[in-house]
Amino acid sequence: MTDAEKVFNQTVQERKRIARGAKHKRMGGGHIVSLPSDQLTEKEKTMLNGEVTTYKLDKPVKWAVFKTWPGDIRREYILGLQKKYHASSGMIYKMLGISQSMYFKEMQRLNIDGGMKPPKDKSAWEAFLEWEAFIATAEPEPEETEKPEASAPIVRMDKDGISFEQSFDPVVEMIRSLRGTGAKVTIEVTL
């Protein structure tokens, strides 16, 4: 047997011995890992939970709602408006319904530097603000004892086009009924 064969056989035996030892090693020793919450009852666990709060950063808000948000969420909201819509300070404080000085004090508290120049095309900002007007019109009206007459048609197309007359009352009623539920609605119109 040559030295190379002898070293090879010795290495194989060592590896077999290590493998057998690792296979039969007692791991963990039968200990159970537990957390402090494992000993609590369901009632105690639910008492530890906090209230879930949702912040809608893609909708316009007024100052009364905005000031109740935590500072990091407020900062993210303002920076998001500036980045997405290129909203200037004037546009934002008018949306919030506060004065310019009050807005700039809030920006100092949130550590936000200056404002942006107003964008040349404000259509995206105006569409963002229209959501607020849409919700205001979709609020339920006081109930009436008489049933109102059907509303007038909204769209009429003639000559070389599709004749289309339809009242959108069912759509408005559906939106009113879903308001505040968190439901997402997609409306598709095909002409």
Protein backbone atom coordinates (compact mmCIF):
# COMPACT_ATOMS: atom_id res chain seq x y z
CA MET A 1 0.00 0.00 0.00
CA THR A 2 1.41 3.33 -1.00
CA ASP A 3 1.42 6.42 1.14
CA ALA A 4 -1.30 8.01 -1.00
CA GLU A 5 -3.62 5.01 -0.53
CA LYS A 6 -2.91 4.96 3.20
CA VAL A 7 -3.74 8.65 3.59
CA PHE A 8 -6.87 8.19 1.45
CA ASN A 9 -8.16 5.27 3.57
CA GLN A 10 -7.43 7.14 6.79
CA THR A 11 -9.37 10.21 5.51
CA VAL A 12 -12.36 8.02 4.53
CA GLN A 13 -12.43 6.43 8.01
CA GLU A 14 -12.33 9.83 9.72
CA ARG A 15 -15.19 11.05 7.56
CA LYS A 16 -17.27 7.96 8.39
CA ARG A 17 -16.61 8.46 12.11
CA ILE A 18 -17.61 12.16 11.91
CA ALA A 19 -20.78 11.31 9.94
CA ARG A 20 -21.83 8.63 12.46
CA GLY A 21 -21.21 10.99 15.35
CA ALA A 22 -23.22 13.78 13.73
CA LYS A 23 -26.10 11.41 12.93
CA HIS A 24 -26.43 10.15 16.48
CA LYS A 25 -25.81 13.44 18.22
CA ARG A 26 -28.67 14.47 20.48
CA MET A 27 -29.84 17.86 19.28
CA GLY A 28 -31.84 20.25 21.44
CA GLY A 29 -31.99 17.96 24.40
CA GLY A 30 -35.80 17.90 24.31
CA HIS A 31 -36.11 21.53 25.42
CA ILE A 32 -39.19 23.46 24.32
CA VAL A 33 -38.71 27.04 23.26
CA SER A 34 -41.62 29.17 24.43
CA LEU A 35 -42.51 32.84 24.24
CA PRO A 36 -44.16 34.92 26.95
CA SER A 37 -47.32 35.20 24.85
CA ASP A 38 -47.72 31.39 24.83
CA GLN A 39 -48.93 31.48 28.44
CA LEU A 40 -51.62 34.12 27.80
CA THR A 41 -55.30 33.41 27.28
CA GLU A 42 -57.08 34.57 24.11
CA LYS A 43 -58.68 37.44 26.03
CA GLU A 44 -55.29 38.61 27.32
CA LYS A 45 -53.83 38.42 23.79
CA THR A 46 -56.61 40.54 22.32
CA MET A 47 -56.15 43.10 25.09
CA LEU A 48 -52.51 43.52 24.00
CA ASN A 49 -53.56 44.43 20.43
CA GLY A 50 -53.86 48.09 19.56
CA GLU A 51 -56.44 49.81 17.39
CA VAL A 52 -55.86 49.46 13.65
CA THR A 53 -55.64 52.83 11.90
CA THR A 54 -55.69 53.32 8.13
CA TYR A 55 -54.21 56.40 6.49
CA LYS A 56 -55.24 57.09 2.89
CA LEU A 57 -52.28 58.90 1.40
CA ASP A 58 -53.77 58.96 -2.09
CA LYS A 59 -56.79 61.11 -1.20
CA PRO A 60 -57.10 64.83 -0.33
CA VAL A 61 -57.49 65.58 3.39
CA LYS A 62 -58.43 68.57 5.49
CA TRP A 63 -56.39 69.95 8.38
CA ALA A 64 -58.66 68.44 11.07
CA VAL A 65 -57.83 64.94 9.83
CA PHE A 66 -54.22 65.69 8.86
CA LYS A 67 -53.20 66.95 12.31
CA THR A 68 -54.37 63.69 13.95
CA TRP A 69 -51.83 61.67 11.92
CA PRO A 70 -48.40 60.80 13.37
CA GLY A 71 -45.51 62.99 12.24
CA ASP A 72 -43.86 60.41 9.99
CA ILE A 73 -47.12 59.78 8.10
CA ARG A 74 -47.71 63.54 7.71
CA ARG A 75 -44.20 63.99 6.36
CA GLU A 76 -44.62 61.11 3.91
CA TYR A 77 -47.97 62.52 2.74
CA ILE A 78 -46.58 66.01 2.00
CA LEU A 79 -43.46 64.66 0.30
CA GLY A 80 -45.62 62.27 -1.73
CA LEU A 81 -47.83 65.13 -2.95
CA GLN A 82 -44.77 67.13 -3.93
CA LYS A 83 -43.20 64.21 -5.75
CA LYS A 84 -46.28 62.77 -7.50
CA TYR A 85 -48.19 65.95 -8.37
CA HIS A 86 -45.35 68.51 -8.19
CA ALA A 87 -47.61 70.36 -5.74
CA SER A 88 -46.37 73.72 -4.53
CA SER A 89 -46.75 74.89 -0.95
CA GLY A 90 -49.67 77.12 -1.95
CA MET A 91 -51.50 74.22 -3.55
CA ILE A 92 -51.06 72.04 -0.47
CA TYR A 93 -52.05 74.57 2.19
CA LYS A 94 -55.15 75.54 0.19
CA MET A 95 -56.12 71.86 0.00
CA LEU A 96 -55.61 71.48 3.76
CA GLY A 97 -57.66 74.64 4.36
CA ILE A 98 -55.09 76.44 6.52
CA SER A 99 -53.09 79.66 6.33
CA GLN A 100 -49.68 79.94 4.76
CA SER A 101 -47.93 80.68 8.07
CA MET A 102 -49.56 77.68 9.75
CA TYR A 103 -48.46 75.46 6.86
CA PHE A 104 -44.84 76.62 7.03
CA LYS A 105 -44.74 76.08 10.81
CA GLU A 106 -45.89 72.52 10.18
CA MET A 107 -43.18 72.08 7.53
CA GLN A 108 -40.56 73.17 10.08
CA ARG A 109 -41.91 70.63 12.59
CA LEU A 110 -41.79 67.91 9.93
CA ASN A 111 -38.31 69.00 8.78
CA ILE A 112 -39.34 69.53 5.16
CA ASP A 113 -37.30 72.06 3.19
CA GLY A 114 -39.09 74.75 1.18
CA GLY A 115 -41.68 74.23 -1.47
CA MET A 116 -41.72 73.48 -5.13
CA LYS A 117 -42.54 75.74 -8.04
CA PRO A 118 -46.12 75.28 -9.26
CA PRO A 119 -46.27 72.87 -12.21
CA LYS A 120 -47.14 74.14 -15.68
CA ASP A 121 -49.78 71.44 -16.10
CA LYS A 122 -52.05 71.26 -13.06
CA SER A 123 -54.46 68.70 -14.52
CA ALA A 124 -53.19 65.83 -12.34
CA TRP A 125 -53.53 67.97 -9.20
CA GLU A 126 -57.03 69.09 -10.19
CA ALA A 127 -58.06 65.46 -10.80
CA PHE A 128 -56.66 64.59 -7.37
CA LEU A 129 -58.76 67.36 -5.77
CA GLU A 130 -61.89 66.38 -7.71
CA TRP A 131 -62.07 63.17 -5.69
CA GLU A 132 -63.05 65.28 -2.70
CA ALA A 133 -65.81 67.03 -4.69
CA PHE A 134 -67.04 63.69 -6.02
CA ILE A 135 -67.38 62.26 -2.50
CA ALA A 136 -69.18 65.41 -1.33
CA THR A 137 -71.79 64.98 -4.08
CA ALA A 138 -72.16 61.27 -3.38
CA GLU A 139 -73.13 61.81 0.28
CA PRO A 140 -76.62 60.52 1.02
CA GLU A 141 -79.40 63.07 1.06
CA PRO A 142 -82.11 63.14 3.73
CA GLU A 143 -84.79 60.57 3.06
CA GLU A 144 -87.91 61.81 1.33
CA THR A 145 -91.38 60.38 1.74
CA GLU A 146 -92.14 60.63 -1.98
CA LYS A 147 -90.11 58.86 -4.58
CA PRO A 148 -88.36 61.42 -6.80
CA GLU A 149 -88.95 61.42 -10.55
CA ALA A 150 -86.37 59.79 -12.79
CA SER A 151 -83.56 62.15 -13.65
CA ALA A 152 -83.02 63.47 -17.15
CA PRO A 153 -80.71 61.64 -19.52
CA ILE A 154 -77.10 62.61 -19.17
CA VAL A 155 -75.60 61.80 -22.57
CA ARG A 156 -77.18 62.02 -26.04
CA MET A 157 -75.26 61.27 -29.17
CA ASP A 158 -76.71 61.59 -32.66
CA LYS A 159 -75.72 61.24 -36.31
CA ASP A 160 -72.81 58.98 -37.18
CA GLY A 161 -72.54 57.93 -33.56
CA ILE A 162 -74.22 55.74 -31.03
CA SER A 163 -77.51 56.98 -29.67
CA PHE A 164 -77.08 56.74 -25.95
CA GLU A 165 -79.39 57.88 -23.20
CA GLN A 166 -78.96 56.71 -19.67
CA SER A 167 -79.40 58.00 -16.18
CA PHE A 168 -76.53 57.21 -13.82
CA ASP A 169 -78.68 57.17 -10.65
CA PRO A 170 -77.95 53.46 -9.97
CA VAL A 171 -74.22 54.13 -10.09
CA VAL A 172 -74.46 57.05 -7.67
CA GLU A 173 -76.67 55.00 -5.34
CA MET A 174 -74.16 52.13 -5.43
CA ILE A 175 -71.31 54.50 -4.53
CA ARG A 176 -73.35 56.00 -1.70
CA SER A 177 -74.09 52.58 -0.28
CA LEU A 178 -70.42 51.52 -0.47
CA ARG A 179 -69.03 54.73 1.04
CA GLY A 180 -67.03 54.06 4.21
CA THR A 181 -66.80 50.29 3.65
CA GLY A 182 -63.34 50.35 2.08
CA ALA A 183 -64.61 48.61 -1.07
CA LYS A 184 -62.82 49.19 -4.36
CA VAL A 185 -65.02 49.88 -7.38
CA THR A 186 -63.98 49.87 -11.03
CA ILE A 187 -66.39 51.44 -13.50
CA GLU A 188 -65.92 50.71 -17.18
CA VAL A 189 -67.90 52.54 -19.85
CA THR A 190 -67.98 51.25 -23.41
CA LEU A 191 -69.46 53.50 -26.08
